[in-house]
């Protein structure tokens, strides 16, 4: 699938979906008051999103 200059493959979409899933985990951890765990999961989500966009 192409959007502008970006060519999305299943790998890109899987990494971006993983990032969205991890962001939901960040929200859940923050809601429970687990701020350190939320920060760790936020870093993992950022890495997944970055990987998804750089792979495009």
N, C-alpha and C. Protein backbone atom coordinates (compact mmCIF):
# COMPACT_ATOMS: atom_id res chain seq x y z
N UNK A 1 0.86 -1.17 0.00
CA UNK A 1 0.00 0.00 0.00
C UNK A 1 0.90 1.23 0.00
N UNK A 2 0.63 2.18 -0.89
CA UNK A 2 1.44 3.38 -0.96
C UNK A 2 0.63 4.60 -0.59
N UNK A 3 1.22 5.42 0.26
CA UNK A 3 0.62 6.70 0.63
C UNK A 3 1.71 7.74 0.41
N UNK A 4 1.59 8.54 -0.60
CA UNK A 4 2.63 9.50 -0.91
C UNK A 4 3.91 8.77 -1.28
N UNK A 5 5.00 9.09 -0.62
CA UNK A 5 6.28 8.43 -0.86
C UNK A 5 6.48 7.21 0.02
N UNK A 6 5.56 6.95 0.95
CA UNK A 6 5.71 5.83 1.87
C UNK A 6 5.11 4.57 1.26
N UNK A 7 5.82 3.47 1.39
CA UNK A 7 5.35 2.19 0.89
C UNK A 7 5.15 1.28 2.10
N UNK A 8 3.91 1.09 2.51
CA UNK A 8 3.61 0.31 3.71
C UNK A 8 3.51 -1.17 3.36
N UNK A 9 4.21 -2.00 4.13
CA UNK A 9 4.13 -3.44 3.97
C UNK A 9 3.47 -4.01 5.23
N UNK A 10 3.32 -5.33 5.25
CA UNK A 10 2.74 -5.95 6.44
C UNK A 10 3.62 -5.73 7.66
N UNK A 11 4.93 -5.69 7.47
CA UNK A 11 5.85 -5.45 8.58
C UNK A 11 5.66 -4.07 9.19
N UNK A 12 5.51 -3.06 8.32
CA UNK A 12 5.27 -1.70 8.81
C UNK A 12 3.98 -1.62 9.61
N UNK A 13 2.94 -2.19 9.03
CA UNK A 13 1.63 -2.12 9.68
C UNK A 13 1.65 -2.88 11.00
N UNK A 14 2.36 -4.01 11.04
CA UNK A 14 2.46 -4.78 12.29
C UNK A 14 3.19 -3.98 13.35
N UNK A 15 4.28 -3.30 12.98
CA UNK A 15 5.02 -2.50 13.97
C UNK A 15 4.19 -1.31 14.46
N UNK A 16 3.47 -0.67 13.56
CA UNK A 16 2.63 0.46 13.97
C UNK A 16 1.46 -0.01 14.84
N UNK A 17 0.91 -1.19 14.53
CA UNK A 17 -0.16 -1.74 15.36
C UNK A 17 0.39 -2.10 16.75
N UNK A 18 1.61 -2.61 16.80
CA UNK A 18 2.25 -2.91 18.08
C UNK A 18 2.43 -1.63 18.88
N UNK A 19 2.81 -0.55 18.22
CA UNK A 19 2.98 0.73 18.91
C UNK A 19 1.65 1.21 19.51
N UNK A 20 0.57 1.07 18.76
CA UNK A 20 -0.75 1.47 19.27
C UNK A 20 -1.15 0.60 20.46
N UNK A 21 -0.88 -0.70 20.35
CA UNK A 21 -1.18 -1.62 21.45
C UNK A 21 -0.39 -1.25 22.71
N UNK A 22 0.89 -0.90 22.53
CA UNK A 22 1.71 -0.52 23.67
C UNK A 22 1.26 0.81 24.27
N UNK A 23 0.78 1.72 23.43
CA UNK A 23 0.25 2.98 23.95
C UNK A 23 -0.99 2.75 24.82
N UNK A 24 -1.79 1.76 24.45
CA UNK A 24 -2.94 1.40 25.30
C UNK A 24 -2.44 0.87 26.64
N UNK A 25 -1.33 0.15 26.62
CA UNK A 25 -0.72 -0.33 27.86
C UNK A 25 -0.21 0.82 28.71
N UNK A 26 0.36 1.84 28.06
CA UNK A 26 0.83 3.02 28.79
C UNK A 26 -0.34 3.66 29.53
N UNK A 27 -1.46 3.83 28.84
CA UNK A 27 -2.65 4.42 29.46
C UNK A 27 -3.09 3.59 30.67
N UNK A 28 -3.08 2.27 30.49
CA UNK A 28 -3.50 1.38 31.57
C UNK A 28 -2.57 1.50 32.77
N UNK A 29 -1.26 1.52 32.53
CA UNK A 29 -0.30 1.63 33.63
C UNK A 29 -0.41 2.97 34.35
N UNK A 30 -0.60 4.04 33.59
CA UNK A 30 -0.75 5.36 34.22
C UNK A 30 -2.01 5.40 35.07
N UNK A 31 -3.08 4.78 34.57
CA UNK A 31 -4.34 4.74 35.31
C UNK A 31 -4.18 3.98 36.63
N UNK A 32 -3.32 2.94 36.63
CA UNK A 32 -3.08 2.16 37.84
C UNK A 32 -2.03 2.80 38.76
N UNK A 33 -1.39 3.86 38.29
CA UNK A 33 -0.39 4.54 39.10
C UNK A 33 1.01 3.96 38.96
N UNK A 34 1.25 3.14 37.96
CA UNK A 34 2.56 2.53 37.75
C UNK A 34 3.34 3.36 36.73
N UNK A 35 3.91 4.47 37.20
CA UNK A 35 4.52 5.44 36.30
C UNK A 35 5.82 4.93 35.66
N UNK A 36 6.64 4.19 36.41
CA UNK A 36 7.90 3.68 35.86
C UNK A 36 7.60 2.65 34.76
N UNK A 37 6.64 1.76 35.01
CA UNK A 37 6.26 0.77 34.00
C UNK A 37 5.70 1.48 32.76
N UNK A 38 4.91 2.52 32.97
CA UNK A 38 4.34 3.27 31.85
C UNK A 38 5.44 3.92 31.03
N UNK A 39 6.47 4.44 31.69
CA UNK A 39 7.58 5.06 30.97
C UNK A 39 8.34 4.04 30.13
N UNK A 40 8.56 2.86 30.69
CA UNK A 40 9.26 1.79 29.96
C UNK A 40 8.45 1.37 28.73
N UNK A 41 7.15 1.18 28.90
CA UNK A 41 6.30 0.77 27.79
C UNK A 41 6.19 1.90 26.76
N UNK A 42 6.22 3.15 27.20
CA UNK A 42 6.19 4.28 26.27
C UNK A 42 7.44 4.29 25.40
N UNK A 43 8.59 3.99 25.99
CA UNK A 43 9.84 3.92 25.21
C UNK A 43 9.74 2.79 24.18
N UNK A 44 9.21 1.64 24.59
CA UNK A 44 9.05 0.53 23.64
C UNK A 44 8.08 0.89 22.51
N UNK A 45 7.02 1.62 22.85
CA UNK A 45 6.06 2.05 21.82
C UNK A 45 6.73 3.02 20.84
N UNK A 46 7.55 3.92 21.37
CA UNK A 46 8.26 4.86 20.49
C UNK A 46 9.22 4.13 19.57
N UNK A 47 9.91 3.11 20.09
CA UNK A 47 10.81 2.32 19.26
C UNK A 47 10.05 1.57 18.17
N UNK A 48 8.91 1.01 18.51
CA UNK A 48 8.10 0.29 17.53
C UNK A 48 7.59 1.23 16.44
N UNK A 49 7.12 2.40 16.84
CA UNK A 49 6.60 3.38 15.86
C UNK A 49 7.74 3.86 14.98
N UNK A 50 8.89 4.15 15.57
CA UNK A 50 10.04 4.60 14.78
C UNK A 50 10.46 3.52 13.79
N UNK A 51 10.52 2.29 14.24
CA UNK A 51 10.86 1.18 13.35
C UNK A 51 9.86 1.04 12.21
N UNK A 52 8.59 1.20 12.52
CA UNK A 52 7.55 1.11 11.49
C UNK A 52 7.69 2.18 10.43
N UNK A 53 8.03 3.40 10.84
CA UNK A 53 8.17 4.49 9.87
C UNK A 53 9.49 4.44 9.13
N UNK A 54 10.56 4.02 9.79
CA UNK A 54 11.85 3.95 9.12
C UNK A 54 11.89 2.80 8.12
N UNK A 55 11.13 1.76 8.35
CA UNK A 55 11.09 0.61 7.45
C UNK A 55 10.32 0.95 6.17
N UNK A 56 9.50 2.00 6.23
CA UNK A 56 8.67 2.36 5.08
C UNK A 56 9.50 2.84 3.90
